[in-house]
Amino acid sequence: MKTEIIEISQFYLAGITVRTTNQNGQSQIDIGELWGRIMQGNLLAKVENKLSDDTYCVYTDYESDYLGAYTCLIGCKVASPDRIPDGFAGITIAAGKYQVYDPEGKFPEKVHATWQEIWKSDIKRAYTADFDVYGANAKSFEDTEVKIYLAIA
């Protein structure tokens, strides 16, 4: 798997959220349901000021570390946090340093496997906002392009 460290500039996202935890597999249930709501309702099509067709899955508002509660937002990058549809939340991803992972293999297994590696690693995480970016140009579900951005201290 390829990784690199980059600096990102601040940007804004709009999406729907759930508060969850990785304990007892709860996040798989909650985030799976969140993805279902996004896909079934074609919710991101309602966002007028989105900047691309990429989908973001953000993990933020950490209670402690990856074992504590956190908020997950699934949404899209927007030009401004000012015009967000009703029922959506807006968040700001602060500028900062990120470890970027480019998982190899089939989707969605490659995402799960990469997060398992991250949780076992000794990387110094910032626990501000981590996120996955899902590209809109996949030829098939299994070929979905994804990059994982981990905020580091």
N, C-alpha and C. Protein backbone atom coordinates (compact mmCIF):
# COMPACT_ATOMS: atom_id res chain seq x y z
N MET A 1 0.84 -1.17 0.00
CA MET A 1 0.00 0.00 0.00
C MET A 1 0.89 1.24 0.00
N LYS A 2 0.52 2.20 -0.83
CA LYS A 2 1.27 3.44 -0.91
C LYS A 2 0.78 4.43 0.14
N THR A 3 1.73 5.14 0.76
CA THR A 3 1.37 6.21 1.70
C THR A 3 2.27 7.40 1.46
N GLU A 4 1.76 8.56 1.85
CA GLU A 4 2.56 9.78 1.79
C GLU A 4 2.03 10.75 2.84
N ILE A 5 2.85 11.71 3.23
CA ILE A 5 2.44 12.75 4.17
C ILE A 5 2.30 14.04 3.38
N ILE A 6 1.13 14.70 3.55
CA ILE A 6 0.87 15.95 2.84
C ILE A 6 0.29 16.98 3.79
N GLU A 7 0.33 18.23 3.37
CA GLU A 7 -0.36 19.33 4.06
C GLU A 7 -1.59 19.66 3.23
N ILE A 8 -2.74 19.80 3.91
CA ILE A 8 -3.94 20.19 3.18
C ILE A 8 -4.40 21.56 3.64
N SER A 9 -5.11 22.25 2.77
CA SER A 9 -5.73 23.53 3.10
C SER A 9 -7.12 23.27 3.66
N GLN A 10 -7.62 24.24 4.40
CA GLN A 10 -8.97 24.15 4.95
C GLN A 10 -10.00 23.99 3.83
N PHE A 11 -11.03 23.19 4.10
CA PHE A 11 -12.15 23.08 3.16
C PHE A 11 -13.42 22.73 3.93
N TYR A 12 -14.55 22.79 3.21
CA TYR A 12 -15.86 22.60 3.83
C TYR A 12 -16.58 21.40 3.23
N LEU A 13 -17.39 20.76 4.07
CA LEU A 13 -18.19 19.62 3.64
C LEU A 13 -19.62 19.78 4.11
N ALA A 14 -20.54 19.23 3.36
CA ALA A 14 -21.95 19.15 3.75
C ALA A 14 -22.38 17.70 3.63
N GLY A 15 -23.13 17.22 4.62
CA GLY A 15 -23.58 15.84 4.58
C GLY A 15 -24.50 15.50 5.73
N ILE A 16 -24.74 14.21 5.91
CA ILE A 16 -25.56 13.75 7.02
C ILE A 16 -24.66 13.00 8.00
N THR A 17 -25.06 12.99 9.26
CA THR A 17 -24.18 12.48 10.31
C THR A 17 -24.84 11.42 11.19
N VAL A 18 -23.97 10.70 11.89
CA VAL A 18 -24.37 9.78 12.94
C VAL A 18 -23.26 9.78 13.99
N ARG A 19 -23.64 9.65 15.24
CA ARG A 19 -22.68 9.49 16.34
C ARG A 19 -22.56 7.99 16.59
N THR A 20 -21.33 7.48 16.65
CA THR A 20 -21.13 6.04 16.76
C THR A 20 -19.86 5.72 17.54
N THR A 21 -19.54 4.45 17.61
CA THR A 21 -18.32 3.96 18.25
C THR A 21 -17.88 2.68 17.53
N ASN A 22 -16.59 2.38 17.60
CA ASN A 22 -16.08 1.15 17.01
C ASN A 22 -16.30 -0.06 17.92
N GLN A 23 -16.77 0.17 19.14
CA GLN A 23 -17.00 -0.92 20.08
C GLN A 23 -18.10 -1.86 19.58
N ASN A 24 -17.87 -3.15 19.71
CA ASN A 24 -18.85 -4.19 19.39
C ASN A 24 -19.40 -4.09 17.96
N GLY A 25 -18.61 -3.55 17.04
CA GLY A 25 -19.04 -3.47 15.65
C GLY A 25 -20.14 -2.45 15.38
N GLN A 26 -20.43 -1.58 16.35
CA GLN A 26 -21.53 -0.62 16.20
C GLN A 26 -21.32 0.32 15.01
N SER A 27 -20.08 0.73 14.77
CA SER A 27 -19.84 1.67 13.67
C SER A 27 -20.18 1.04 12.31
N GLN A 28 -19.95 -0.25 12.15
CA GLN A 28 -20.30 -0.89 10.88
C GLN A 28 -21.80 -0.81 10.62
N ILE A 29 -22.60 -0.97 11.67
CA ILE A 29 -24.05 -0.88 11.55
C ILE A 29 -24.46 0.56 11.25
N ASP A 30 -24.01 1.49 12.10
CA ASP A 30 -24.43 2.89 11.98
C ASP A 30 -23.97 3.52 10.67
N ILE A 31 -22.70 3.31 10.32
CA ILE A 31 -22.17 3.93 9.10
C ILE A 31 -22.77 3.25 7.87
N GLY A 32 -23.02 1.95 7.95
CA GLY A 32 -23.70 1.26 6.85
C GLY A 32 -25.09 1.83 6.59
N GLU A 33 -25.83 2.12 7.68
CA GLU A 33 -27.16 2.72 7.54
C GLU A 33 -27.05 4.13 6.97
N LEU A 34 -26.02 4.87 7.38
CA LEU A 34 -25.81 6.23 6.86
C LEU A 34 -25.55 6.19 5.35
N TRP A 35 -24.69 5.25 4.91
CA TRP A 35 -24.44 5.08 3.47
C TRP A 35 -25.75 4.75 2.75
N GLY A 36 -26.57 3.90 3.36
CA GLY A 36 -27.85 3.53 2.76
C GLY A 36 -28.75 4.74 2.55
N ARG A 37 -28.82 5.60 3.55
CA ARG A 37 -29.64 6.82 3.43
C ARG A 37 -29.13 7.72 2.31
N ILE A 38 -27.80 7.87 2.23
CA ILE A 38 -27.20 8.72 1.18
C ILE A 38 -27.54 8.17 -0.20
N MET A 39 -27.36 6.86 -0.38
CA MET A 39 -27.53 6.25 -1.70
C MET A 39 -29.01 6.15 -2.10
N GLN A 40 -29.85 5.68 -1.20
CA GLN A 40 -31.26 5.49 -1.53
C GLN A 40 -31.96 6.80 -1.84
N GLY A 41 -31.62 7.84 -1.09
CA GLY A 41 -32.27 9.13 -1.31
C GLY A 41 -31.55 10.02 -2.30
N ASN A 42 -30.43 9.53 -2.86
CA ASN A 42 -29.61 10.36 -3.75
C ASN A 42 -29.41 11.75 -3.14
N LEU A 43 -29.10 11.76 -1.85
CA LEU A 43 -29.08 13.00 -1.07
C LEU A 43 -28.04 14.01 -1.53
N LEU A 44 -26.90 13.55 -2.01
CA LEU A 44 -25.86 14.51 -2.39
C LEU A 44 -26.24 15.32 -3.62
N ALA A 45 -27.21 14.84 -4.38
CA ALA A 45 -27.69 15.60 -5.55
C ALA A 45 -28.41 16.88 -5.11
N LYS A 46 -28.83 16.94 -3.85
CA LYS A 46 -29.53 18.12 -3.33
C LYS A 46 -28.59 19.26 -2.96
N VAL A 47 -27.30 18.98 -2.95
CA VAL A 47 -26.31 19.99 -2.55
C VAL A 47 -25.97 20.84 -3.77
N GLU A 48 -26.36 22.12 -3.73
CA GLU A 48 -26.20 23.01 -4.88
C GLU A 48 -24.78 23.50 -5.11
N ASN A 49 -24.03 23.71 -4.05
CA ASN A 49 -22.71 24.32 -4.21
C ASN A 49 -21.56 23.32 -4.05
N LYS A 50 -21.81 22.05 -4.44
CA LYS A 50 -20.74 21.06 -4.30
C LYS A 50 -19.67 21.28 -5.36
N LEU A 51 -18.44 20.94 -4.99
CA LEU A 51 -17.29 21.22 -5.84
C LEU A 51 -16.87 20.04 -6.71
N SER A 52 -17.33 18.83 -6.38
CA SER A 52 -16.99 17.66 -7.18
C SER A 52 -18.00 16.56 -6.90
N ASP A 53 -17.90 15.46 -7.62
CA ASP A 53 -18.77 14.32 -7.40
C ASP A 53 -18.15 13.30 -6.45
N ASP A 54 -16.98 13.60 -5.89
CA ASP A 54 -16.37 12.71 -4.91
C ASP A 54 -17.22 12.70 -3.64
N THR A 55 -17.23 11.56 -2.96
CA THR A 55 -17.96 11.42 -1.70
C THR A 55 -16.95 11.29 -0.57
N TYR A 56 -17.21 12.01 0.52
CA TYR A 56 -16.34 12.00 1.68
C TYR A 56 -17.03 11.29 2.84
N CYS A 57 -16.27 10.47 3.55
CA CYS A 57 -16.74 9.85 4.78
C CYS A 57 -15.77 10.32 5.86
N VAL A 58 -16.25 11.19 6.75
CA VAL A 58 -15.40 11.87 7.73
C VAL A 58 -15.66 11.32 9.13
N TYR A 59 -14.58 11.17 9.88
CA TYR A 59 -14.65 10.72 11.27
C TYR A 59 -14.09 11.86 12.11
N THR A 60 -14.93 12.44 12.98
CA THR A 60 -14.52 13.65 13.70
C THR A 60 -15.19 13.72 15.07
N ASP A 61 -14.93 14.78 15.80
CA ASP A 61 -15.48 14.96 17.16
C ASP A 61 -15.20 13.74 18.03
N TYR A 62 -13.95 13.28 17.98
CA TYR A 62 -13.57 12.10 18.76
C TYR A 62 -13.68 12.37 20.25
N GLU A 63 -14.29 11.44 20.97
CA GLU A 63 -14.39 11.51 22.42
C GLU A 63 -13.00 11.30 23.05
N SER A 64 -12.23 10.40 22.46
CA SER A 64 -10.89 10.11 22.98
C SER A 64 -9.99 9.65 21.83
N ASP A 65 -9.99 8.36 21.56
CA ASP A 65 -9.22 7.80 20.45
C ASP A 65 -10.16 6.95 19.60
N TYR A 66 -9.62 6.03 18.82
CA TYR A 66 -10.48 5.25 17.92
C TYR A 66 -11.43 4.31 18.66
N LEU A 67 -11.22 4.11 19.95
CA LEU A 67 -12.11 3.25 20.73
C LEU A 67 -13.28 4.01 21.34
N GLY A 68 -13.20 5.34 21.37
CA GLY A 68 -14.28 6.16 21.93
C GLY A 68 -15.31 6.54 20.88
N ALA A 69 -16.33 7.25 21.33
CA ALA A 69 -17.38 7.72 20.42
C ALA A 69 -16.83 8.79 19.48
N TYR A 70 -17.42 8.88 18.30
CA TYR A 70 -17.06 9.90 17.32
C TYR A 70 -18.25 10.14 16.40
N THR A 71 -18.18 11.22 15.64
CA THR A 71 -19.22 11.54 14.67
C THR A 71 -18.72 11.17 13.28
N CYS A 72 -19.58 10.54 12.51
CA CYS A 72 -19.29 10.23 11.11
C CYS A 72 -20.20 11.09 10.25
N LEU A 73 -19.63 11.77 9.26
CA LEU A 73 -20.38 12.54 8.27
C LEU A 73 -20.09 11.95 6.90
N ILE A 74 -21.13 11.67 6.14
CA ILE A 74 -20.96 11.28 4.74
C ILE A 74 -21.54 12.41 3.91
N GLY A 75 -20.71 12.95 3.02
CA GLY A 75 -21.16 14.10 2.25
C GLY A 75 -20.22 14.45 1.12
N CYS A 76 -20.22 15.73 0.78
CA CYS A 76 -19.42 16.21 -0.35
C CYS A 76 -18.78 17.55 -0.01
N LYS A 77 -17.74 17.85 -0.76
CA LYS A 77 -17.00 19.10 -0.61
C LYS A 77 -17.85 20.23 -1.20
N VAL A 78 -17.95 21.34 -0.45
CA VAL A 78 -18.76 22.47 -0.90
C VAL A 78 -17.93 23.74 -0.91
N ALA A 79 -18.37 24.71 -1.70
CA ALA A 79 -17.66 25.97 -1.83
C ALA A 79 -17.77 26.81 -0.57
N SER A 80 -18.89 26.68 0.13
CA SER A 80 -19.13 27.52 1.30
C SER A 80 -20.02 26.76 2.28
N PRO A 81 -19.82 26.99 3.58
CA PRO A 81 -20.69 26.33 4.56
C PRO A 81 -22.02 27.07 4.74
N ASP A 82 -22.24 28.11 3.97
CA ASP A 82 -23.42 28.96 4.17
C ASP A 82 -24.70 28.40 3.57
N ARG A 83 -24.62 27.64 2.48
CA ARG A 83 -25.83 27.14 1.81
C ARG A 83 -25.86 25.62 1.87
N ILE A 84 -26.34 25.11 2.99
CA ILE A 84 -26.40 23.67 3.19
C ILE A 84 -27.88 23.27 3.26
N PRO A 85 -28.27 22.20 2.57
CA PRO A 85 -29.68 21.80 2.56
C PRO A 85 -30.21 21.47 3.97
N ASP A 86 -31.50 21.64 4.16
CA ASP A 86 -32.14 21.26 5.42
C ASP A 86 -31.87 19.80 5.72
N GLY A 87 -31.60 19.50 6.97
CA GLY A 87 -31.32 18.14 7.38
C GLY A 87 -29.86 17.73 7.23
N PHE A 88 -29.06 18.60 6.65
CA PHE A 88 -27.63 18.34 6.47
C PHE A 88 -26.84 19.07 7.55
N ALA A 89 -25.64 18.60 7.80
CA ALA A 89 -24.70 19.27 8.69
C ALA A 89 -23.55 19.79 7.85
N GLY A 90 -22.96 20.88 8.29
CA GLY A 90 -21.77 21.40 7.63
C GLY A 90 -20.60 21.32 8.58
N ILE A 91 -19.44 20.93 8.06
CA ILE A 91 -18.24 20.91 8.89
C ILE A 91 -17.07 21.53 8.12
N THR A 92 -16.12 22.00 8.89
CA THR A 92 -14.89 22.55 8.34
C THR A 92 -13.76 21.57 8.63
N ILE A 93 -13.04 21.19 7.60
CA ILE A 93 -11.83 20.39 7.78
C ILE A 93 -10.68 21.39 7.84
N ALA A 94 -10.04 21.46 8.99
CA ALA A 94 -8.97 22.44 9.20
C ALA A 94 -7.72 22.07 8.41
N ALA A 95 -6.97 23.08 8.05
CA ALA A 95 -5.68 22.85 7.41
C ALA A 95 -4.80 22.03 8.35
N GLY A 96 -3.96 21.19 7.79
CA GLY A 96 -3.09 20.40 8.64
C GLY A 96 -2.33 19.34 7.88
N LYS A 97 -1.61 18.53 8.66
CA LYS A 97 -0.77 17.47 8.12
C LYS A 97 -1.53 16.15 8.16
N TYR A 98 -1.48 15.44 7.03
CA TYR A 98 -2.21 14.17 6.91
C TYR A 98 -1.33 13.09 6.32
N GLN A 99 -1.48 11.88 6.87
CA GLN A 99 -0.91 10.68 6.28
C GLN A 99 -1.97 10.16 5.32
N VAL A 100 -1.63 10.01 4.05
CA VAL A 100 -2.59 9.58 3.04
C VAL A 100 -2.27 8.14 2.65
N TYR A 101 -3.30 7.30 2.71
CA TYR A 101 -3.18 5.89 2.35
C TYR A 101 -3.92 5.65 1.04
N ASP A 102 -3.31 4.87 0.17
CA ASP A 102 -3.91 4.49 -1.10
C ASP A 102 -4.08 2.97 -1.08
N PRO A 103 -5.20 2.49 -0.52
CA PRO A 103 -5.38 1.04 -0.34
C PRO A 103 -5.40 0.29 -1.66
N GLU A 104 -4.87 -0.94 -1.62
CA GLU A 104 -4.86 -1.80 -2.80
C GLU A 104 -5.82 -2.96 -2.57
N GLY A 105 -6.39 -3.46 -3.65
CA GLY A 105 -7.31 -4.59 -3.55
C GLY A 105 -8.71 -4.19 -3.96
N LYS A 106 -9.65 -5.05 -3.61
CA LYS A 106 -11.05 -4.82 -4.00
C LYS A 106 -11.78 -4.02 -2.92
N PHE A 107 -12.68 -3.20 -3.38
CA PHE A 107 -13.54 -2.43 -2.49
C PHE A 107 -14.73 -3.32 -2.11
N PRO A 108 -15.22 -3.29 -0.87
CA PRO A 108 -14.84 -2.43 0.25
C PRO A 108 -13.80 -3.04 1.18
N GLU A 109 -13.38 -4.27 0.91
CA GLU A 109 -12.43 -4.95 1.81
C GLU A 109 -11.16 -4.15 2.02
N LYS A 110 -10.68 -3.47 0.96
CA LYS A 110 -9.42 -2.73 1.07
C LYS A 110 -9.52 -1.58 2.07
N VAL A 111 -10.68 -0.99 2.20
CA VAL A 111 -10.87 0.10 3.16
C VAL A 111 -10.84 -0.44 4.58
N HIS A 112 -11.58 -1.50 4.81
CA HIS A 112 -11.62 -2.12 6.14
C HIS A 112 -10.22 -2.59 6.56
N ALA A 113 -9.50 -3.23 5.66
CA ALA A 113 -8.15 -3.73 5.97
C ALA A 113 -7.20 -2.59 6.29
N THR A 114 -7.31 -1.48 5.58
CA THR A 114 -6.43 -0.34 5.83
C THR A 114 -6.71 0.26 7.20
N TRP A 115 -7.99 0.42 7.56
CA TRP A 115 -8.31 0.95 8.88
C TRP A 115 -7.83 0.01 9.98
N GLN A 116 -7.90 -1.30 9.77
CA GLN A 116 -7.38 -2.25 10.76
C GLN A 116 -5.88 -2.02 10.97
N GLU A 117 -5.15 -1.80 9.88
CA GLU A 117 -3.71 -1.52 9.97
C GLU A 117 -3.45 -0.21 10.72
N ILE A 118 -4.25 0.81 10.42
CA ILE A 118 -4.08 2.11 11.08
C ILE A 118 -4.29 1.95 12.58
N TRP A 119 -5.35 1.24 12.99
CA TRP A 119 -5.64 1.09 14.41
C TRP A 119 -4.53 0.34 15.14
N LYS A 120 -3.83 -0.56 14.44
CA LYS A 120 -2.75 -1.33 15.07
C LYS A 120 -1.42 -0.58 15.06
N SER A 121 -1.34 0.49 14.27
CA SER A 121 -0.06 1.19 14.11
C SER A 121 0.23 2.10 15.30
N ASP A 122 1.46 2.58 15.36
CA ASP A 122 1.85 3.50 16.43
C ASP A 122 1.95 4.94 15.92
N ILE A 123 1.31 5.23 14.80
CA ILE A 123 1.34 6.58 14.24
C ILE A 123 0.69 7.55 15.22
N LYS A 124 1.27 8.74 15.35
CA LYS A 124 0.75 9.75 16.28
C LYS A 124 -0.38 10.51 15.60
N ARG A 125 -1.59 10.12 15.95
CA ARG A 125 -2.77 10.72 15.34
C ARG A 125 -3.19 11.99 16.06
N ALA A 126 -3.77 12.92 15.32
CA ALA A 126 -4.27 14.17 15.90
C ALA A 126 -5.69 14.02 16.43
N TYR A 127 -6.45 13.07 15.90
CA TYR A 127 -7.85 12.85 16.28
C TYR A 127 -8.69 14.13 16.14
N THR A 128 -8.47 14.84 15.04
CA THR A 128 -9.28 16.02 14.74
C THR A 128 -10.35 15.63 13.73
N ALA A 129 -9.94 15.30 12.52
CA ALA A 129 -10.85 14.80 11.49
C ALA A 129 -10.06 13.93 10.52
N ASP A 130 -10.45 12.67 10.44
CA ASP A 130 -9.89 11.74 9.46
C ASP A 130 -10.97 11.53 8.41
N PHE A 131 -10.58 11.19 7.19
CA PHE A 131 -11.62 11.00 6.18
C PHE A 131 -11.17 10.10 5.04
N ASP A 132 -12.18 9.46 4.44
CA ASP A 132 -12.01 8.68 3.22
C ASP A 132 -12.59 9.50 2.08
N VAL A 133 -11.93 9.48 0.93
CA VAL A 133 -12.47 10.15 -0.27
C VAL A 133 -12.71 9.07 -1.32
N TYR A 134 -13.97 8.97 -1.73
CA TYR A 134 -14.39 7.97 -2.72
C TYR A 134 -14.56 8.65 -4.06
N GLY A 135 -13.76 8.25 -5.03
CA GLY A 135 -13.82 8.83 -6.36
C GLY A 135 -15.09 8.46 -7.09
N ALA A 136 -15.53 9.35 -7.95
CA ALA A 136 -16.79 9.15 -8.68
C ALA A 136 -16.60 8.42 -10.01
N ASN A 137 -15.36 8.04 -10.36
CA ASN A 137 -15.09 7.50 -11.69
C ASN A 137 -14.91 5.99 -11.76
N ALA A 138 -15.39 5.26 -10.77
CA ALA A 138 -15.20 3.81 -10.76
C ALA A 138 -15.97 3.14 -11.89
N LYS A 139 -15.34 2.12 -12.48
CA LYS A 139 -16.00 1.34 -13.54
C LYS A 139 -16.99 0.34 -12.94
N SER A 140 -16.71 -0.09 -11.70
CA SER A 140 -17.59 -1.02 -11.01
C SER A 140 -17.44 -0.79 -9.51
N PHE A 141 -18.36 -1.38 -8.73
CA PHE A 141 -18.33 -1.24 -7.28
C PHE A 141 -16.98 -1.68 -6.71
N GLU A 142 -16.48 -2.82 -7.16
CA GLU A 142 -15.22 -3.37 -6.64
C GLU A 142 -14.01 -2.51 -6.99
N ASP A 143 -14.13 -1.69 -8.03
CA ASP A 143 -13.03 -0.84 -8.47
C ASP A 143 -13.10 0.58 -7.90
N THR A 144 -13.98 0.82 -6.95
CA THR A 144 -14.13 2.15 -6.38
C THR A 144 -12.78 2.67 -5.91
N GLU A 145 -12.43 3.87 -6.35
CA GLU A 145 -11.18 4.50 -5.94
C GLU A 145 -11.39 5.15 -4.58
N VAL A 146 -10.45 4.93 -3.67
CA VAL A 146 -10.56 5.53 -2.34
C VAL A 146 -9.18 5.89 -1.84
N LYS A 147 -9.11 7.01 -1.14
CA LYS A 147 -7.90 7.40 -0.41
C LYS A 147 -8.33 7.70 1.01
N ILE A 148 -7.49 7.34 1.96
CA ILE A 148 -7.77 7.55 3.37
C ILE A 148 -6.80 8.60 3.90
N TYR A 149 -7.35 9.64 4.51
CA TYR A 149 -6.57 10.75 5.05
C TYR A 149 -6.64 10.70 6.57
N LEU A 150 -5.49 10.56 7.20
CA LEU A 150 -5.39 10.43 8.64
C LEU A 150 -4.69 11.66 9.20
N ALA A 151 -5.40 12.45 10.03
CA ALA A 151 -4.79 13.63 10.63
C ALA A 151 -3.70 13.19 11.60
N ILE A 152 -2.51 13.75 11.43
CA ILE A 152 -1.39 13.34 12.29
C ILE A 152 -0.86 14.53 13.07
N ALA A 153 -0.30 14.20 14.23
CA ALA A 153 0.22 15.24 15.13
C ALA A 153 1.62 15.66 14.72
